[in-house]
């Protein structure tokens, strides 16, 4: 129950800024329409097999803009670098809760808030202007939801790993920037993997970055078989184990900085 309370409290905390965030959402809408316009210009008159057409790319971009607030635009390092820099991490470690679950629960509260006040809001606007794809079968919908869950969990753990690593590196801004660049460049945000050279596309498809954006969107568009879920599930398990191991190592290495 304690973790459910943490989720609820952090969700309530975010509600104080909902109007500012709703206004900020219009920036996401603008970026979405810009991407749609670019891809419309690129794909108009082209209809190649196994590639996305103009309508598919409109749906792709719309869903991607909504997905970013759930799996990518998380708190940098989940805020762990600030706790480590100030020494507050020592208090977190003596609490009668698991540090890993504590930090993850706090961010889940923020993700739930983003789902309602960002992703859902964006979905409505895109549906009104450019329409929004609706999966035709319940099996596909279940796969898409499972893929979305894996994407969120992978994003949470990658951010946690970056944050907890600050106990050795102190500063993680560089790591966060590299991470975001990899997600945007290799995750299918700018260019879907089907448009990349075959060898590069095959390599990238096994990286966790594709699991955070490309796979959930393609499942949602009913463009993928079941097998990529195995890749997402494998990364979810691997990153969870790494996060737990690093948390254990942190308890042995912890040094409080400052006076």
C-alpha atoms as a PDB file:
ATOM      1  CA  UNK A   1       0.000   0.000   0.000  1.00  0.00           C
ATOM      2  CA  UNK A   2       2.866   2.386   0.709  1.00  0.00           C
ATOM      3  CA  UNK A   3       3.903   2.459  -2.953  1.00  0.00           C
ATOM      4  CA  UNK A   4       0.318   3.103  -4.059  1.00  0.00           C
ATOM      5  CA  UNK A   5       0.225   6.062  -1.670  1.00  0.00           C
ATOM      6  CA  UNK A   6       3.509   7.345  -3.108  1.00  0.00           C
ATOM      7  CA  UNK A   7       2.060   7.108  -6.624  1.00  0.00           C
ATOM      8  CA  UNK A   8      -1.086   8.950  -5.555  1.00  0.00           C
ATOM      9  CA  UNK A   9       0.857  11.686  -3.724  1.00  0.00           C
ATOM     10  CA  UNK A  10       3.146  12.365  -6.662  1.00  0.00           C
ATOM     11  CA  UNK A  11       0.158  12.448  -9.018  1.00  0.00           C
ATOM     12  CA  UNK A  12      -1.489  15.028  -6.752  1.00  0.00           C
ATOM     13  CA  UNK A  13       1.709  17.070  -6.674  1.00  0.00           C
ATOM     14  CA  UNK A  14       1.703  17.353 -10.467  1.00  0.00           C
ATOM     15  CA  UNK A  15      -1.881  18.639 -10.493  1.00  0.00           C
ATOM     16  CA  UNK A  16      -0.658  22.015  -9.261  1.00  0.00           C
ATOM     17  CA  UNK A  17       0.893  22.669 -12.688  1.00  0.00           C
ATOM     18  CA  UNK A  18      -1.789  21.227 -14.975  1.00  0.00           C
ATOM     19  CA  UNK A  19      -2.769  24.509 -16.656  1.00  0.00           C
ATOM     20  CA  UNK A  20       0.862  25.331 -17.452  1.00  0.00           C
ATOM     21  CA  UNK A  21       1.345  21.834 -18.856  1.00  0.00           C
ATOM     22  CA  UNK A  22      -1.818  21.984 -20.975  1.00  0.00           C
ATOM     23  CA  UNK A  23      -0.576  25.227 -22.526  1.00  0.00           C
ATOM     24  CA  UNK A  24       2.828  23.604 -23.044  1.00  0.00           C
ATOM     25  CA  UNK A  25       1.105  20.773 -24.908  1.00  0.00           C
ATOM     26  CA  UNK A  26       0.488  23.064 -27.836  1.00  0.00           C
ATOM     27  CA  UNK A  27       4.239  22.948 -28.539  1.00  0.00           C
ATOM     28  CA  UNK A  28       3.923  19.174 -28.956  1.00  0.00           C
ATOM     29  CA  UNK A  29       0.990  19.713 -31.305  1.00  0.00           C
ATOM     30  CA  UNK A  30       3.033  22.139 -33.418  1.00  0.00           C
ATOM     31  CA  UNK A  31       5.960  19.715 -33.638  1.00  0.00           C
ATOM     32  CA  UNK A  32       3.529  16.955 -34.573  1.00  0.00           C
ATOM     33  CA  UNK A  33       1.973  18.953 -37.394  1.00  0.00           C
ATOM     34  CA  UNK A  34       5.429  19.940 -38.666  1.00  0.00           C
ATOM     35  CA  UNK A  35       6.487  16.266 -38.805  1.00  0.00           C
ATOM     36  CA  UNK A  36       3.212  15.317 -40.501  1.00  0.00           C
ATOM     37  CA  UNK A  37       3.733  18.044 -43.120  1.00  0.00           C
ATOM     38  CA  UNK A  38       7.322  16.915 -43.775  1.00  0.00           C
ATOM     39  CA  UNK A  39       6.370  13.255 -44.185  1.00  0.00           C
ATOM     40  CA  UNK A  40       3.374  14.175 -46.334  1.00  0.00           C
ATOM     41  CA  UNK A  41       5.718  15.984 -48.708  1.00  0.00           C
ATOM     42  CA  UNK A  42       8.157  13.057 -48.729  1.00  0.00           C
ATOM     43  CA  UNK A  43       5.622  10.259 -49.221  1.00  0.00           C
ATOM     44  CA  UNK A  44       3.063  11.854 -51.506  1.00  0.00           C
ATOM     45  CA  UNK A  45       2.951   9.884 -54.763  1.00  0.00           C
ATOM     46  CA  UNK A  46       5.032   7.027 -53.351  1.00  0.00           C
ATOM     47  CA  UNK A  47       3.528   3.647 -52.503  1.00  0.00           C
ATOM     48  CA  UNK A  48       6.270   1.095 -51.892  1.00  0.00           C
ATOM     49  CA  UNK A  49       5.625  -2.317 -50.379  1.00  0.00           C
ATOM     50  CA  UNK A  50       6.237  -2.796 -46.637  1.00  0.00           C
ATOM     51  CA  UNK A  51       6.540   0.962 -46.079  1.00  0.00           C
ATOM     52  CA  UNK A  52       4.173   3.430 -44.441  1.00  0.00           C
ATOM     53  CA  UNK A  53       1.930   5.587 -46.598  1.00  0.00           C
ATOM     54  CA  UNK A  54       0.915   9.186 -45.896  1.00  0.00           C
ATOM     55  CA  UNK A  55      -2.053   8.196 -43.729  1.00  0.00           C
ATOM     56  CA  UNK A  56       0.033   5.680 -41.784  1.00  0.00           C
ATOM     57  CA  UNK A  57       2.693   8.315 -41.084  1.00  0.00           C
ATOM     58  CA  UNK A  58       0.025  10.753 -39.892  1.00  0.00           C
ATOM     59  CA  UNK A  59      -1.144   8.166 -37.363  1.00  0.00           C
ATOM     60  CA  UNK A  60       2.483   7.287 -36.551  1.00  0.00           C
ATOM     61  CA  UNK A  61       3.466  10.869 -35.749  1.00  0.00           C
ATOM     62  CA  UNK A  62       0.291  11.530 -33.741  1.00  0.00           C
ATOM     63  CA  UNK A  63       0.751   8.457 -31.546  1.00  0.00           C
ATOM     64  CA  UNK A  64       4.474   9.129 -31.155  1.00  0.00           C
ATOM     65  CA  UNK A  65       3.846  12.632 -29.810  1.00  0.00           C
ATOM     66  CA  UNK A  66       1.485  11.151 -27.217  1.00  0.00           C
ATOM     67  CA  UNK A  67       3.853   8.304 -26.347  1.00  0.00           C
ATOM     68  CA  UNK A  68       6.844  10.559 -25.655  1.00  0.00           C
ATOM     69  CA  UNK A  69       5.253  11.843 -22.433  1.00  0.00           C
ATOM     70  CA  UNK A  70       4.905   8.295 -21.126  1.00  0.00           C
ATOM     71  CA  UNK A  71       8.178   6.574 -21.978  1.00  0.00           C
ATOM     72  CA  UNK A  72      10.744   9.254 -22.908  1.00  0.00           C
ATOM     73  CA  UNK A  73      10.049  12.635 -21.306  1.00  0.00           C
ATOM     74  CA  UNK A  74      10.564  11.382 -17.760  1.00  0.00           C
ATOM     75  CA  UNK A  75      12.358  13.194 -14.956  1.00  0.00           C
ATOM     76  CA  UNK A  76      16.074  13.175 -15.909  1.00  0.00           C
ATOM     77  CA  UNK A  77      17.737  10.479 -13.839  1.00  0.00           C
ATOM     78  CA  UNK A  78      14.400  10.215 -11.958  1.00  0.00           C
ATOM     79  CA  UNK A  79      15.830  12.952  -9.716  1.00  0.00           C
ATOM     80  CA  UNK A  80      18.375  10.628  -8.126  1.00  0.00           C
ATOM     81  CA  UNK A  81      21.349  12.839  -9.030  1.00  0.00           C
ATOM     82  CA  UNK A  82      19.947  15.677  -6.896  1.00  0.00           C
ATOM     83  CA  UNK A  83      19.413  13.383  -3.908  1.00  0.00           C
ATOM     84  CA  UNK A  84      22.940  12.048  -4.213  1.00  0.00           C
ATOM     85  CA  UNK A  85      24.482  15.508  -4.605  1.00  0.00           C
ATOM     86  CA  UNK A  86      22.686  16.870  -1.507  1.00  0.00           C
ATOM     87  CA  UNK A  87      23.085  13.714   0.574  1.00  0.00           C
ATOM     88  CA  UNK A  88      19.316  13.204   0.828  1.00  0.00           C
ATOM     89  CA  UNK A  89      19.849   9.739  -0.645  1.00  0.00           C
ATOM     90  CA  UNK A  90      21.096   8.627   2.772  1.00  0.00           C
ATOM     91  CA  UNK A  91      17.664   9.356   4.259  1.00  0.00           C
ATOM     92  CA  UNK A  92      15.956   7.469   1.443  1.00  0.00           C
ATOM     93  CA  UNK A  93      18.130   4.451   2.128  1.00  0.00           C
ATOM     94  CA  UNK A  94      17.167   4.224   5.821  1.00  0.00           C
ATOM     95  CA  UNK A  95      13.444   4.462   5.092  1.00  0.00           C
ATOM     96  CA  UNK A  96      11.492   1.202   5.554  1.00  0.00           C
ATOM     97  CA  UNK A  97      10.937   0.996   1.798  1.00  0.00           C
ATOM     98  CA  UNK A  98      12.962  -0.225  -1.149  1.00  0.00           C
ATOM     99  CA  UNK A  99      14.877   2.653  -2.797  1.00  0.00           C
ATOM    100  CA  UNK A 100      14.293   1.300  -6.299  1.00  0.00           C
ATOM    101  CA  UNK A 101      10.535   0.889  -5.807  1.00  0.00           C
ATOM    102  CA  UNK A 102      10.316   4.249  -4.028  1.00  0.00           C
ATOM    103  CA  UNK A 103      11.842   6.173  -6.939  1.00  0.00           C
ATOM    104  CA  UNK A 104       9.945   4.187  -9.578  1.00  0.00           C
ATOM    105  CA  UNK A 105       6.641   4.737  -7.736  1.00  0.00           C
ATOM    106  CA  UNK A 106       7.213   8.477  -7.580  1.00  0.00           C
ATOM    107  CA  UNK A 107       7.773   8.604 -11.342  1.00  0.00           C
ATOM    108  CA  UNK A 108       4.772   6.381 -12.058  1.00  0.00           C
ATOM    109  CA  UNK A 109       2.614   9.006 -10.352  1.00  0.00           C
ATOM    110  CA  UNK A 110       4.011  11.575 -12.782  1.00  0.00           C
ATOM    111  CA  UNK A 111       3.440   9.228 -15.746  1.00  0.00           C
ATOM    112  CA  UNK A 112      -0.211   8.761 -14.759  1.00  0.00           C
ATOM    113  CA  UNK A 113      -0.556  12.524 -14.658  1.00  0.00           C
ATOM    114  CA  UNK A 114       1.103  12.837 -18.079  1.00  0.00           C
ATOM    115  CA  UNK A 115      -1.223  10.187 -19.484  1.00  0.00           C
ATOM    116  CA  UNK A 116      -4.274  12.297 -18.606  1.00  0.00           C
ATOM    117  CA  UNK A 117      -3.121  15.887 -18.939  1.00  0.00           C
ATOM    118  CA  UNK A 118      -0.631  15.449 -21.763  1.00  0.00           C
ATOM    119  CA  UNK A 119      -1.061  12.276 -23.839  1.00  0.00           C
ATOM    120  CA  UNK A 120      -4.870  12.130 -23.682  1.00  0.00           C
ATOM    121  CA  UNK A 121      -5.103  15.866 -24.334  1.00  0.00           C
ATOM    122  CA  UNK A 122      -2.813  15.543 -27.363  1.00  0.00           C
ATOM    123  CA  UNK A 123      -4.737  12.524 -28.646  1.00  0.00           C
ATOM    124  CA  UNK A 124      -7.981  14.520 -28.623  1.00  0.00           C
ATOM    125  CA  UNK A 125      -6.418  17.411 -30.530  1.00  0.00           C
ATOM    126  CA  UNK A 126      -4.853  15.110 -33.119  1.00  0.00           C
ATOM    127  CA  UNK A 127      -8.147  13.234 -33.489  1.00  0.00           C
ATOM    128  CA  UNK A 128     -10.019  16.490 -34.126  1.00  0.00           C
ATOM    129  CA  UNK A 129      -7.522  17.735 -36.722  1.00  0.00           C
ATOM    130  CA  UNK A 130      -5.813  14.731 -38.312  1.00  0.00           C
ATOM    131  CA  UNK A 131      -7.844  11.767 -36.966  1.00  0.00           C
ATOM    132  CA  UNK A 132      -6.489   9.004 -34.766  1.00  0.00           C
ATOM    133  CA  UNK A 133      -6.121   5.328 -35.726  1.00  0.00           C
ATOM    134  CA  UNK A 134      -8.253   2.782 -33.861  1.00  0.00           C
ATOM    135  CA  UNK A 135      -7.031  -0.864 -33.877  1.00  0.00           C
ATOM    136  CA  UNK A 136      -9.521  -3.180 -35.575  1.00  0.00           C
ATOM    137  CA  UNK A 137      -9.148  -6.203 -33.291  1.00  0.00           C
ATOM    138  CA  UNK A 138      -9.010  -6.768 -29.530  1.00  0.00           C
ATOM    139  CA  UNK A 139      -5.948  -9.018 -29.857  1.00  0.00           C
ATOM    140  CA  UNK A 140      -4.026  -6.210 -31.520  1.00  0.00           C
ATOM    141  CA  UNK A 141      -5.201  -3.798 -28.839  1.00  0.00           C
ATOM    142  CA  UNK A 142      -3.897  -6.129 -26.113  1.00  0.00           C
ATOM    143  CA  UNK A 143      -0.521  -6.460 -27.853  1.00  0.00           C
ATOM    144  CA  UNK A 144      -0.327  -2.690 -28.237  1.00  0.00           C
ATOM    145  CA  UNK A 145      -1.117  -2.153 -24.541  1.00  0.00           C
ATOM    146  CA  UNK A 146       1.450  -4.762 -23.504  1.00  0.00           C
ATOM    147  CA  UNK A 147       4.022  -3.146 -25.782  1.00  0.00           C
ATOM    148  CA  UNK A 148       3.175   0.241 -24.266  1.00  0.00           C
ATOM    149  CA  UNK A 149       3.698  -1.165 -20.758  1.00  0.00           C
ATOM    150  CA  UNK A 150       7.114  -2.553 -21.749  1.00  0.00           C
ATOM    151  CA  UNK A 151       8.045   0.803 -23.333  1.00  0.00           C
ATOM    152  CA  UNK A 152       7.205   2.685 -20.136  1.00  0.00           C
ATOM    153  CA  UNK A 153       9.008   0.179 -17.926  1.00  0.00           C
ATOM    154  CA  UNK A 154      12.125   0.223 -20.112  1.00  0.00           C
ATOM    155  CA  UNK A 155      12.133   4.036 -20.080  1.00  0.00           C
ATOM    156  CA  UNK A 156      11.780   4.060 -16.296  1.00  0.00           C
ATOM    157  CA  UNK A 157      14.687   1.685 -15.792  1.00  0.00           C
ATOM    158  CA  UNK A 158      17.006   3.412 -18.256  1.00  0.00           C
ATOM    159  CA  UNK A 159      16.357   6.733 -16.506  1.00  0.00           C
ATOM    160  CA  UNK A 160      16.885   5.055 -13.114  1.00  0.00           C
ATOM    161  CA  UNK A 161      20.194   3.541 -14.232  1.00  0.00           C
ATOM    162  CA  UNK A 162      21.404   6.939 -15.456  1.00  0.00           C
ATOM    163  CA  UNK A 163      20.331   8.577 -12.195  1.00  0.00           C
ATOM    164  CA  UNK A 164      21.806   5.988  -9.844  1.00  0.00           C
ATOM    165  CA  UNK A 165      25.108   6.083 -11.755  1.00  0.00           C
ATOM    166  CA  UNK A 166      25.621   9.625 -10.444  1.00  0.00           C
ATOM    167  CA  UNK A 167      26.835   8.089  -7.188  1.00  0.00           C
ATOM    168  CA  UNK A 168      30.015   7.275  -9.123  1.00  0.00           C
ATOM    169  CA  UNK A 169      30.030  10.105 -11.678  1.00  0.00           C
ATOM    170  CA  UNK A 170      28.322  12.929  -9.657  1.00  0.00           C
ATOM    171  CA  UNK A 171      27.187  14.636 -12.898  1.00  0.00           C
ATOM    172  CA  UNK A 172      24.809  12.861 -15.312  1.00  0.00           C
ATOM    173  CA  UNK A 173      23.673  15.635 -17.640  1.00  0.00           C
ATOM    174  CA  UNK A 174      25.967  14.362 -20.397  1.00  0.00           C
ATOM    175  CA  UNK A 175      24.583  10.828 -20.009  1.00  0.00           C
ATOM    176  CA  UNK A 176      21.001  12.085 -20.153  1.00  0.00           C
ATOM    177  CA  UNK A 177      21.690  14.063 -23.345  1.00  0.00           C
ATOM    178  CA  UNK A 178      23.319  11.033 -24.990  1.00  0.00           C
ATOM    179  CA  UNK A 179      20.382   8.887 -23.895  1.00  0.00           C
ATOM    180  CA  UNK A 180      17.759  11.277 -25.321  1.00  0.00           C
ATOM    181  CA  UNK A 181      19.738  11.559 -28.569  1.00  0.00           C
ATOM    182  CA  UNK A 182      19.807   7.762 -28.883  1.00  0.00           C
ATOM    183  CA  UNK A 183      16.079   7.482 -28.221  1.00  0.00           C
ATOM    184  CA  UNK A 184      15.214  10.111 -30.835  1.00  0.00           C
ATOM    185  CA  UNK A 185      17.748   8.913 -33.403  1.00  0.00           C
ATOM    186  CA  UNK A 186      17.510   5.133 -32.918  1.00  0.00           C
ATOM    187  CA  UNK A 187      14.046   4.754 -31.424  1.00  0.00           C
ATOM    188  CA  UNK A 188      12.023   5.729 -34.458  1.00  0.00           C
ATOM    189  CA  UNK A 189      11.005   9.213 -33.346  1.00  0.00           C
ATOM    190  CA  UNK A 190      12.431  11.053 -36.344  1.00  0.00           C
ATOM    191  CA  UNK A 191      12.612   8.208 -38.881  1.00  0.00           C
ATOM    192  CA  UNK A 192      10.741   4.878 -38.562  1.00  0.00           C
ATOM    193  CA  UNK A 193      13.051   1.889 -38.716  1.00  0.00           C
ATOM    194  CA  UNK A 194      11.439   0.625 -41.952  1.00  0.00           C
ATOM    195  CA  UNK A 195      13.006   3.590 -43.801  1.00  0.00           C
ATOM    196  CA  UNK A 196      16.545   2.848 -42.633  1.00  0.00           C
ATOM    197  CA  UNK A 197      19.000   0.607 -44.551  1.00  0.00           C
ATOM    198  CA  UNK A 198      18.165  -3.033 -43.869  1.00  0.00           C
ATOM    199  CA  UNK A 199      21.367  -3.890 -42.014  1.00  0.00           C
ATOM    200  CA  UNK A 200      21.162  -0.823 -39.770  1.00  0.00           C
ATOM    201  CA  UNK A 201      17.452  -1.353 -39.195  1.00  0.00           C
ATOM    202  CA  UNK A 202      18.006  -4.978 -38.126  1.00  0.00           C
ATOM    203  CA  UNK A 203      20.708  -3.914 -35.659  1.00  0.00           C
ATOM    204  CA  UNK A 204      18.684  -1.064 -34.158  1.00  0.00           C
ATOM    205  CA  UNK A 205      15.603  -3.259 -33.804  1.00  0.00           C
ATOM    206  CA  UNK A 206      17.357  -5.206 -31.028  1.00  0.00           C
ATOM    207  CA  UNK A 207      18.291  -2.107 -29.007  1.00  0.00           C
ATOM    208  CA  UNK A 208      16.126  -0.869 -26.122  1.00  0.00           C
ATOM    209  CA  UNK A 209      15.517   2.495 -27.820  1.00  0.00           C
ATOM    210  CA  UNK A 210      13.310   0.928 -30.500  1.00  0.00           C
ATOM    211  CA  UNK A 211      11.348  -0.734 -27.694  1.00  0.00           C
ATOM    212  CA  UNK A 212      10.406   2.676 -26.277  1.00  0.00           C
ATOM    213  CA  UNK A 213       8.871   4.261 -29.387  1.00  0.00           C
ATOM    214  CA  UNK A 214       8.930   2.244 -32.598  1.00  0.00           C
ATOM    215  CA  UNK A 215       7.464  -1.057 -31.397  1.00  0.00           C
ATOM    216  CA  UNK A 216       4.509   0.382 -29.436  1.00  0.00           C
ATOM    217  CA  UNK A 217       3.537   2.613 -32.374  1.00  0.00           C
ATOM    218  CA  UNK A 218       3.823  -0.177 -34.946  1.00  0.00           C
ATOM    219  CA  UNK A 219       1.800  -2.557 -32.765  1.00  0.00           C
ATOM    220  CA  UNK A 220      -0.816   0.167 -32.440  1.00  0.00           C
ATOM    221  CA  UNK A 221      -0.892   0.503 -36.256  1.00  0.00           C
ATOM    222  CA  UNK A 222      -1.144  -3.303 -36.599  1.00  0.00           C
ATOM    223  CA  UNK A 223       2.080  -3.435 -38.634  1.00  0.00           C
ATOM    224  CA  UNK A 224       4.034  -5.972 -36.554  1.00  0.00           C
ATOM    225  CA  UNK A 225       3.759  -9.656 -35.605  1.00  0.00           C
ATOM    226  CA  UNK A 226       3.914 -10.850 -32.001  1.00  0.00           C
ATOM    227  CA  UNK A 227       7.675 -11.553 -31.889  1.00  0.00           C
ATOM    228  CA  UNK A 228       8.990  -8.006 -31.101  1.00  0.00           C
ATOM    229  CA  UNK A 229       7.220  -8.291 -27.742  1.00  0.00           C
ATOM    230  CA  UNK A 230       9.858 -10.863 -26.841  1.00  0.00           C
ATOM    231  CA  UNK A 231      12.580  -8.274 -27.465  1.00  0.00           C
ATOM    232  CA  UNK A 232      10.758  -5.723 -25.312  1.00  0.00           C
ATOM    233  CA  UNK A 233      10.132  -8.259 -22.551  1.00  0.00           C
ATOM    234  CA  UNK A 234      13.775  -9.340 -22.543  1.00  0.00           C
ATOM    235  CA  UNK A 235      15.007  -5.758 -22.196  1.00  0.00           C
ATOM    236  CA  UNK A 236      12.455  -5.095 -19.444  1.00  0.00           C
ATOM    237  CA  UNK A 237      13.802  -8.030 -17.420  1.00  0.00           C
ATOM    238  CA  UNK A 238      17.482  -7.238 -18.105  1.00  0.00           C
ATOM    239  CA  UNK A 239      17.173  -3.555 -17.178  1.00  0.00           C
ATOM    240  CA  UNK A 240      15.186  -4.370 -14.041  1.00  0.00           C
ATOM    241  CA  UNK A 241      17.916  -6.738 -12.856  1.00  0.00           C
ATOM    242  CA  UNK A 242      20.603  -4.147 -13.641  1.00  0.00           C
ATOM    243  CA  UNK A 243      18.670  -1.484 -11.694  1.00  0.00           C
ATOM    244  CA  UNK A 244      18.315  -3.768  -8.671  1.00  0.00           C
ATOM    245  CA  UNK A 245      22.009  -4.704  -8.805  1.00  0.00           C
ATOM    246  CA  UNK A 246      23.106  -1.057  -9.025  1.00  0.00           C
ATOM    247  CA  UNK A 247      20.855  -0.206  -6.079  1.00  0.00           C
ATOM    248  CA  UNK A 248      22.581  -2.921  -4.055  1.00  0.00           C
ATOM    249  CA  UNK A 249      26.005  -1.630  -5.103  1.00  0.00           C
ATOM    250  CA  UNK A 250      25.011   1.916  -4.153  1.00  0.00           C
ATOM    251  CA  UNK A 251      24.427   0.878  -0.547  1.00  0.00           C
ATOM    252  CA  UNK A 252      28.023  -0.363  -0.341  1.00  0.00           C
ATOM    253  CA  UNK A 253      29.606   2.612  -2.102  1.00  0.00           C
ATOM    254  CA  UNK A 254      27.629   5.573  -0.741  1.00  0.00           C
ATOM    255  CA  UNK A 255      29.635   8.640   0.318  1.00  0.00           C
ATOM    256  CA  UNK A 256      27.887  11.803   1.483  1.00  0.00           C
ATOM    257  CA  UNK A 257      29.376  14.920  -0.111  1.00  0.00           C
ATOM    258  CA  UNK A 258      29.559  18.305   1.637  1.00  0.00           C
ATOM    259  CA  UNK A 259      29.572  19.398   5.295  1.00  0.00           C
END
